[in-house]
C-alpha atoms as a PDB file:
ATOM      1  CA  MET A   1     -13.333   9.444  22.682  1.00  0.00           C
ATOM      2  CA  THR A   2     -10.214   7.773  24.002  1.00  0.00           C
ATOM      3  CA  ALA A   3      -7.528  10.361  24.697  1.00  0.00           C
ATOM      4  CA  ALA A   4      -5.287   8.616  27.236  1.00  0.00           C
ATOM      5  CA  ILE A   5      -2.327   8.490  24.845  1.00  0.00           C
ATOM      6  CA  ASP A   6      -0.701  11.891  24.395  1.00  0.00           C
ATOM      7  CA  THR A   7       1.970  11.062  21.806  1.00  0.00           C
ATOM      8  CA  VAL A   8       1.896   9.651  18.295  1.00  0.00           C
ATOM      9  CA  ARG A   9       4.693   8.427  16.022  1.00  0.00           C
ATOM     10  CA  ILE A  10       4.502   9.842  12.506  1.00  0.00           C
ATOM     11  CA  ASN A  11       6.774   7.867  10.203  1.00  0.00           C
ATOM     12  CA  GLY A  12       8.820   6.899  13.272  1.00  0.00           C
ATOM     13  CA  LYS A  13       9.235  10.322  14.904  1.00  0.00           C
ATOM     14  CA  VAL A  14       7.420  11.118  18.177  1.00  0.00           C
ATOM     15  CA  HIS A  15       4.958  14.023  18.086  1.00  0.00           C
ATOM     16  CA  SER A  16       2.522  15.294  20.697  1.00  0.00           C
ATOM     17  CA  TRP A  17      -1.204  15.148  20.038  1.00  0.00           C
ATOM     18  CA  ASN A  18      -1.168  18.837  21.021  1.00  0.00           C
ATOM     19  CA  SER A  19       0.620  19.546  17.737  1.00  0.00           C
ATOM     20  CA  THR A  20      -1.076  16.830  15.656  1.00  0.00           C
ATOM     21  CA  GLU A  21      -4.472  16.810  13.977  1.00  0.00           C
ATOM     22  CA  PHE A  22      -5.833  13.749  12.145  1.00  0.00           C
ATOM     23  CA  THR A  23      -9.174  14.227  10.406  1.00  0.00           C
ATOM     24  CA  VAL A  24     -11.110  11.835   8.209  1.00  0.00           C
ATOM     25  CA  ASP A  25     -13.515  13.652   5.907  1.00  0.00           C
ATOM     26  CA  GLY A  26     -13.716  16.537   8.382  1.00  0.00           C
ATOM     27  CA  ASN A  27     -14.057  14.473  11.607  1.00  0.00           C
ATOM     28  CA  ARG A  28     -11.135  14.574  14.041  1.00  0.00           C
ATOM     29  CA  PHE A  29      -9.803  11.339  15.577  1.00  0.00           C
ATOM     30  CA  TYR A  30      -7.444  10.913  18.547  1.00  0.00           C
ATOM     31  CA  GLY A  31      -5.588   8.141  20.338  1.00  0.00           C
ATOM     32  CA  PHE A  32      -3.476   6.538  17.633  1.00  0.00           C
ATOM     33  CA  THR A  33       0.045   5.647  18.708  1.00  0.00           C
ATOM     34  CA  SER A  34       1.547   5.419  15.229  1.00  0.00           C
ATOM     35  CA  ILE A  35       0.774   6.793  11.769  1.00  0.00           C
ATOM     36  CA  SER A  36       2.905   5.931   8.742  1.00  0.00           C
ATOM     37  CA  TYR A  37       2.594   6.499   5.010  1.00  0.00           C
ATOM     38  CA  GLY A  38       4.671   6.852   1.880  1.00  0.00           C
ATOM     39  CA  ASP A  39       4.617   7.064  -1.875  1.00  0.00           C
ATOM     40  CA  LYS A  40       7.135   6.491  -4.638  1.00  0.00           C
ATOM     41  CA  LYS A  41       7.743   6.958  -8.325  1.00  0.00           C
ATOM     42  CA  GLU A  42       9.992   4.556 -10.179  1.00  0.00           C
ATOM     43  CA  GLY A  43      11.442   5.651 -13.477  1.00  0.00           C
ATOM     44  CA  GLN A  44      13.021   3.216 -15.916  1.00  0.00           C
ATOM     45  CA  LEU A  45      16.387   3.729 -17.546  1.00  0.00           C
ATOM     46  CA  VAL A  46      16.279   4.131 -21.338  1.00  0.00           C
ATOM     47  CA  TYR A  47      19.131   2.722 -23.386  1.00  0.00           C
ATOM     48  CA  THR A  48      20.164   3.341 -26.979  1.00  0.00           C
ATOM     49  CA  CYS A  49      22.753   1.805 -29.234  1.00  0.00           C
ATOM     50  CA  ASN A  50      25.601   4.136 -28.397  1.00  0.00           C
ATOM     51  CA  THR A  51      29.232   3.314 -27.818  1.00  0.00           C
ATOM     52  CA  SER A  52      29.288   4.093 -24.098  1.00  0.00           C
ATOM     53  CA  TYR A  53      26.429   1.707 -23.207  1.00  0.00           C
ATOM     54  CA  ALA A  54      25.386   4.273 -20.616  1.00  0.00           C
ATOM     55  CA  PRO A  55      21.686   5.050 -20.177  1.00  0.00           C
ATOM     56  CA  TYR A  56      20.344   7.694 -22.545  1.00  0.00           C
ATOM     57  CA  GLY A  57      17.797   8.956 -20.054  1.00  0.00           C
ATOM     58  CA  ILE A  58      15.058   7.980 -17.650  1.00  0.00           C
ATOM     59  CA  THR A  59      11.282   7.768 -18.041  1.00  0.00           C
ATOM     60  CA  SER A  60       8.941   9.908 -15.951  1.00  0.00           C
ATOM     61  CA  GLY A  61       8.039   6.794 -13.974  1.00  0.00           C
ATOM     62  CA  LYS A  62       4.971   5.188 -12.498  1.00  0.00           C
ATOM     63  CA  TYR A  63       3.489   6.686  -9.324  1.00  0.00           C
ATOM     64  CA  GLU A  64       2.648   4.256  -6.523  1.00  0.00           C
ATOM     65  CA  PRO A  65       1.078   5.411  -3.283  1.00  0.00           C
ATOM     66  CA  GLY A  66       1.880   3.280  -0.277  1.00  0.00           C
ATOM     67  CA  LYS A  67      -0.568   2.378   2.455  1.00  0.00           C
ATOM     68  CA  LEU A  68      -1.726   4.695   5.222  1.00  0.00           C
ATOM     69  CA  SER A  69      -1.043   2.672   8.384  1.00  0.00           C
ATOM     70  CA  LEU A  70      -2.504   3.466  11.798  1.00  0.00           C
ATOM     71  CA  SER A  71      -1.821   1.736  15.122  1.00  0.00           C
ATOM     72  CA  GLY A  72      -3.454   2.249  18.457  1.00  0.00           C
ATOM     73  CA  PRO A  73      -5.588   0.856  21.238  1.00  0.00           C
ATOM     74  CA  ILE A  74      -8.856  -0.795  20.296  1.00  0.00           C
ATOM     75  CA  GLY A  75     -10.993   2.215  21.346  1.00  0.00           C
ATOM     76  CA  PRO A  76      -9.825   4.702  18.697  1.00  0.00           C
ATOM     77  CA  ILE A  77      -9.799   1.964  16.039  1.00  0.00           C
ATOM     78  CA  GLU A  78     -13.411   1.040  16.853  1.00  0.00           C
ATOM     79  CA  GLU A  79     -14.445   4.709  16.643  1.00  0.00           C
ATOM     80  CA  LEU A  80     -12.837   4.959  13.222  1.00  0.00           C
ATOM     81  CA  ARG A  81     -14.434   1.663  12.106  1.00  0.00           C
ATOM     82  CA  GLU A  82     -17.896   2.953  13.085  1.00  0.00           C
ATOM     83  CA  PHE A  83     -17.290   6.168  11.159  1.00  0.00           C
ATOM     84  CA  VAL A  84     -15.960   4.393   8.041  1.00  0.00           C
ATOM     85  CA  SER A  85     -18.890   1.957   7.974  1.00  0.00           C
ATOM     86  CA  THR A  86     -21.300   4.896   7.548  1.00  0.00           C
ATOM     87  CA  TYR A  87     -19.825   5.323   4.039  1.00  0.00           C
ATOM     88  CA  SER A  88     -20.770   1.791   2.932  1.00  0.00           C
ATOM     89  CA  SER A  89     -23.994   1.077   1.077  1.00  0.00           C
ATOM     90  CA  ASN A  90     -25.467  -0.990   3.930  1.00  0.00           C
ATOM     91  CA  ARG A  91     -23.697   0.771   6.852  1.00  0.00           C
ATOM     92  CA  ASN A  92     -22.490  -2.634   8.108  1.00  0.00           C
ATOM     93  CA  SER A  93     -19.370  -3.175   6.018  1.00  0.00           C
ATOM     94  CA  TYR A  94     -16.298  -1.016   6.449  1.00  0.00           C
ATOM     95  CA  GLY A  95     -14.172  -2.829   3.839  1.00  0.00           C
ATOM     96  CA  ASP A  96     -16.054  -1.604   0.779  1.00  0.00           C
ATOM     97  CA  ALA A  97     -16.471   2.000   1.922  1.00  0.00           C
ATOM     98  CA  VAL A  98     -14.364   4.664   0.209  1.00  0.00           C
ATOM     99  CA  ILE A  99     -13.539   7.785   2.208  1.00  0.00           C
ATOM    100  CA  PRO A 100     -12.852  10.817  -0.021  1.00  0.00           C
ATOM    101  CA  ILE A 101     -10.093  12.423   2.073  1.00  0.00           C
ATOM    102  CA  ALA A 102      -8.091  12.227   5.291  1.00  0.00           C
ATOM    103  CA  ILE A 103      -5.800  15.023   6.441  1.00  0.00           C
ATOM    104  CA  LEU A 104      -2.854  14.799   8.808  1.00  0.00           C
ATOM    105  CA  LYS A 105      -1.451  18.084  10.165  1.00  0.00           C
ATOM    106  CA  PHE A 106       1.508  18.263  12.511  1.00  0.00           C
ATOM    107  CA  ILE A 107       4.265  20.658  13.516  1.00  0.00           C
ATOM    108  CA  GLU A 108       7.822  19.796  12.519  1.00  0.00           C
ATOM    109  CA  ASP A 109      10.673  22.230  13.201  1.00  0.00           C
ATOM    110  CA  ASN A 110       8.193  25.099  13.783  1.00  0.00           C
ATOM    111  CA  ARG A 111       6.520  24.466  10.404  1.00  0.00           C
ATOM    112  CA  VAL A 112       3.005  23.169   9.871  1.00  0.00           C
ATOM    113  CA  ILE A 113       3.124  20.026   7.722  1.00  0.00           C
ATOM    114  CA  VAL A 114      -0.064  18.947   5.937  1.00  0.00           C
ATOM    115  CA  LYS A 115      -0.496  15.508   4.354  1.00  0.00           C
ATOM    116  CA  GLU A 116      -3.652  14.820   2.343  1.00  0.00           C
ATOM    117  CA  PHE A 117      -4.661  11.232   1.564  1.00  0.00           C
ATOM    118  CA  PHE A 118      -7.321  10.604  -1.090  1.00  0.00           C
ATOM    119  CA  ASP A 119      -9.810   7.766  -1.720  1.00  0.00           C
ATOM    120  CA  LEU A 120      -9.106   5.705   1.391  1.00  0.00           C
ATOM    121  CA  GLN A 121     -10.315   2.119   1.593  1.00  0.00           C
ATOM    122  CA  TRP A 122      -9.757  -0.057   4.696  1.00  0.00           C
ATOM    123  CA  CYS A 123      -7.699  -3.010   3.446  1.00  0.00           C
ATOM    124  CA  SER A 124      -6.118  -4.827   6.399  1.00  0.00           C
ATOM    125  CA  GLU A 125      -6.208  -5.216  10.153  1.00  0.00           C
ATOM    126  CA  SER A 126      -4.217  -7.162  12.715  1.00  0.00           C
ATOM    127  CA  SER A 127      -4.163  -7.181  16.481  1.00  0.00           C
ATOM    128  CA  SER A 128      -1.822  -8.533  19.095  1.00  0.00           C
ATOM    129  CA  HIS A 129      -2.924 -10.137  22.348  1.00  0.00           C
ATOM    130  CA  SER A 130      -0.289 -10.520  25.030  1.00  0.00           C
ATOM    131  CA  GLU A 131      -0.236 -10.671  28.793  1.00  0.00           C
ATOM    132  CA  SER A 132       1.084  -7.255  29.763  1.00  0.00           C
ATOM    133  CA  ALA A 133       0.080  -3.876  31.123  1.00  0.00           C
ATOM    134  CA  ASP A 134      -0.210  -2.491  27.602  1.00  0.00           C
ATOM    135  CA  ALA A 135      -3.649  -2.143  26.063  1.00  0.00           C
ATOM    136  CA  LEU A 136      -4.702  -4.358  23.170  1.00  0.00           C
ATOM    137  CA  SER A 137      -2.993  -2.903  20.099  1.00  0.00           C
ATOM    138  CA  VAL A 138      -4.607  -2.904  16.668  1.00  0.00           C
ATOM    139  CA  ASP A 139      -2.855  -2.140  13.365  1.00  0.00           C
ATOM    140  CA  ILE A 140      -4.907  -1.129  10.324  1.00  0.00           C
ATOM    141  CA  GLU A 141      -4.063  -0.100   6.778  1.00  0.00           C
ATOM    142  CA  PHE A 142      -5.888   1.930   4.178  1.00  0.00           C
ATOM    143  CA  ALA A 143      -5.262   1.689   0.449  1.00  0.00           C
ATOM    144  CA  ILE A 144      -5.060   5.204  -0.985  1.00  0.00           C
ATOM    145  CA  SER A 145      -5.023   6.647  -4.493  1.00  0.00           C
ATOM    146  CA  ARG A 146      -2.605   9.537  -3.918  1.00  0.00           C
ATOM    147  CA  ILE A 147      -0.907  11.791  -1.373  1.00  0.00           C
ATOM    148  CA  LEU A 148      -0.332  15.533  -1.363  1.00  0.00           C
ATOM    149  CA  HIS A 149       2.552  16.853   0.747  1.00  0.00           C
ATOM    150  CA  ASN A 150       1.794  20.490   1.671  1.00  0.00           C
ATOM    151  CA  GLY A 151      -0.214  20.762  -1.555  1.00  0.00           C
ATOM    152  CA  LYS A 152       2.538  19.289  -3.717  1.00  0.00           C
ATOM    153  CA  SER A 153       2.701  15.827  -5.243  1.00  0.00           C
ATOM    154  CA  LEU A 154       5.308  13.325  -6.320  1.00  0.00           C
ATOM    155  CA  TYR A 155       3.214  12.667  -9.454  1.00  0.00           C
ATOM    156  CA  ARG A 156       2.420  15.191 -12.174  1.00  0.00           C
ATOM    157  CA  GLN A 157      -0.716  17.172 -11.301  1.00  0.00           C
ATOM    158  CA  GLU A 158      -2.916  18.436 -14.129  1.00  0.00           C
END
């Protein structure tokens, strides 16, 4: 395990790894320098033939999860790649593997925040090589099907 980095940015805000836990299907991973995510729901305005021409209402909208993005040195990324590849049919490909769940827990304003990401699939990777004292940085993204924020969702749960 690579644990030289003791802070992580979660959606831009710095947190300590002492107060952050990132697990993928029950296995804890360390060393990422940045974690970002998001989801949205876009409703459409509904118009009728009234005299004000103002919208009559808004639809419930379509839910769209964003990507789960992770950045960090090559060591933690390689550890995660090895783990993800165990979910593929041939254990050699990490791009077709689907991970059932990843959980991010961190402390924000003395409250425990839990984010649950479902049906993760590795979808992109980029790395930057530059002459500097910084370690090789790798950025990866996972496509996800949905996010729960402390057990609650932006979409309608059945």
